C-alpha atoms as a PDB file:
ATOM      1  CA  MET A   1       0.000   0.000   0.000  1.00  0.00           C
ATOM      2  CA  PRO A   2       1.457   3.386  -0.934  1.00  0.00           C
ATOM      3  CA  ASN A   3       2.130   5.840   1.856  1.00  0.00           C
ATOM      4  CA  ALA A   4       0.579   9.311   2.121  1.00  0.00           C
ATOM      5  CA  LYS A   5       3.642  10.976   0.582  1.00  0.00           C
ATOM      6  CA  ASP A   6       3.413   8.767  -2.517  1.00  0.00           C
ATOM      7  CA  LEU A   7      -0.276   9.569  -2.890  1.00  0.00           C
ATOM      8  CA  ILE A   8       0.358  13.300  -2.570  1.00  0.00           C
ATOM      9  CA  GLU A   9       3.087  13.026  -5.198  1.00  0.00           C
ATOM     10  CA  ARG A  10       0.657  11.307  -7.570  1.00  0.00           C
ATOM     11  CA  ALA A  11      -1.863  14.083  -6.951  1.00  0.00           C
ATOM     12  CA  ARG A  12       0.805  16.665  -7.798  1.00  0.00           C
ATOM     13  CA  MET A  13       1.664  14.783 -10.986  1.00  0.00           C
ATOM     14  CA  PHE A  14      -1.985  14.823 -12.109  1.00  0.00           C
ATOM     15  CA  GLU A  15      -2.268  18.543 -11.320  1.00  0.00           C
ATOM     16  CA  GLU A  16       0.757  19.169 -13.541  1.00  0.00           C
ATOM     17  CA  ARG A  17      -0.819  17.132 -16.319  1.00  0.00           C
ATOM     18  CA  ALA A  18      -4.042  19.110 -15.936  1.00  0.00           C
ATOM     19  CA  GLU A  19      -2.109  22.348 -16.415  1.00  0.00           C
ATOM     20  CA  THR A  20      -0.703  21.155 -19.746  1.00  0.00           C
ATOM     21  CA  ALA A  21      -3.741  19.263 -21.049  1.00  0.00           C
ATOM     22  CA  ALA A  22      -4.925  20.489 -24.441  1.00  0.00           C
ATOM     23  CA  ASP A  23      -8.643  19.846 -24.062  1.00  0.00           C
ATOM     24  CA  PRO A  24     -11.088  20.603 -21.228  1.00  0.00           C
ATOM     25  CA  ILE A  25     -12.278  16.999 -20.794  1.00  0.00           C
ATOM     26  CA  THR A  26      -8.760  15.707 -20.255  1.00  0.00           C
ATOM     27  CA  ARG A  27      -7.963  18.644 -17.966  1.00  0.00           C
ATOM     28  CA  GLN A  28     -11.035  17.885 -15.858  1.00  0.00           C
ATOM     29  CA  HIS A  29     -10.166  14.167 -15.733  1.00  0.00           C
ATOM     30  CA  TYR A  30      -6.659  14.938 -14.456  1.00  0.00           C
ATOM     31  CA  ARG A  31      -8.029  17.314 -11.829  1.00  0.00           C
ATOM     32  CA  GLU A  32     -10.478  14.667 -10.652  1.00  0.00           C
ATOM     33  CA  MET A  33      -7.661  12.133 -10.421  1.00  0.00           C
ATOM     34  CA  ALA A  34      -5.589  14.618  -8.398  1.00  0.00           C
ATOM     35  CA  ALA A  35      -8.515  15.157  -6.027  1.00  0.00           C
ATOM     36  CA  HIS A  36      -8.950  11.395  -5.709  1.00  0.00           C
ATOM     37  CA  TYR A  37      -5.301  10.898  -4.728  1.00  0.00           C
ATOM     38  CA  ARG A  38      -5.441  13.791  -2.244  1.00  0.00           C
ATOM     39  CA  SER A  39      -8.504  12.165  -0.690  1.00  0.00           C
ATOM     40  CA  LEU A  40      -6.747   8.800  -0.491  1.00  0.00           C
ATOM     41  CA  SER A  41      -3.736  10.419   1.153  1.00  0.00           C
ATOM     42  CA  MET A  42      -5.983  11.957   3.820  1.00  0.00           C
ATOM     43  CA  GLU A  43      -7.688   8.604   4.451  1.00  0.00           C
ATOM     44  CA  HIS A  44      -4.302   6.934   4.688  1.00  0.00           C
ATOM     45  CA  GLN A  45      -3.120   9.500   7.245  1.00  0.00           C
ATOM     46  CA  ASP A  46      -6.274   8.853   9.302  1.00  0.00           C
ATOM     47  CA  VAL A  47      -5.810   5.066   9.239  1.00  0.00           C
ATOM     48  CA  THR A  48      -2.056   4.814   9.819  1.00  0.00           C
ATOM     49  CA  PRO A  49      -1.979   5.968  13.485  1.00  0.00           C
ATOM     50  CA  ARG A  50      -4.943   3.723  14.290  1.00  0.00           C
ATOM     51  CA  ARG A  51      -3.164   0.698  12.801  1.00  0.00           C
ATOM     52  CA  GLU A  52       0.003   1.467  14.728  1.00  0.00           C
ATOM     53  CA  HIS A  53      -2.019   1.785  17.935  1.00  0.00           C
ATOM     54  CA  GLU A  54      -3.824  -1.509  17.305  1.00  0.00           C
ATOM     55  CA  ALA A  55      -0.538  -3.274  16.531  1.00  0.00           C
ATOM     56  CA  ALA A  56       0.915  -2.095  19.830  1.00  0.00           C
ATOM     57  CA  HIS A  57      -1.912  -3.693  21.791  1.00  0.00           C
END
């Protein structure tokens, strides 16, 4: 499973692609993908401390 930093990096990559996309549909798709990866990174940050806590007990 990728860590939060990897997911944020993927989001950044899609934002860059959105900036250079030639057509609006592709631009929107890349922005949606970036938002998806940002969301996943936030979920991952929420879950990671809980898993570490559960592993300790």
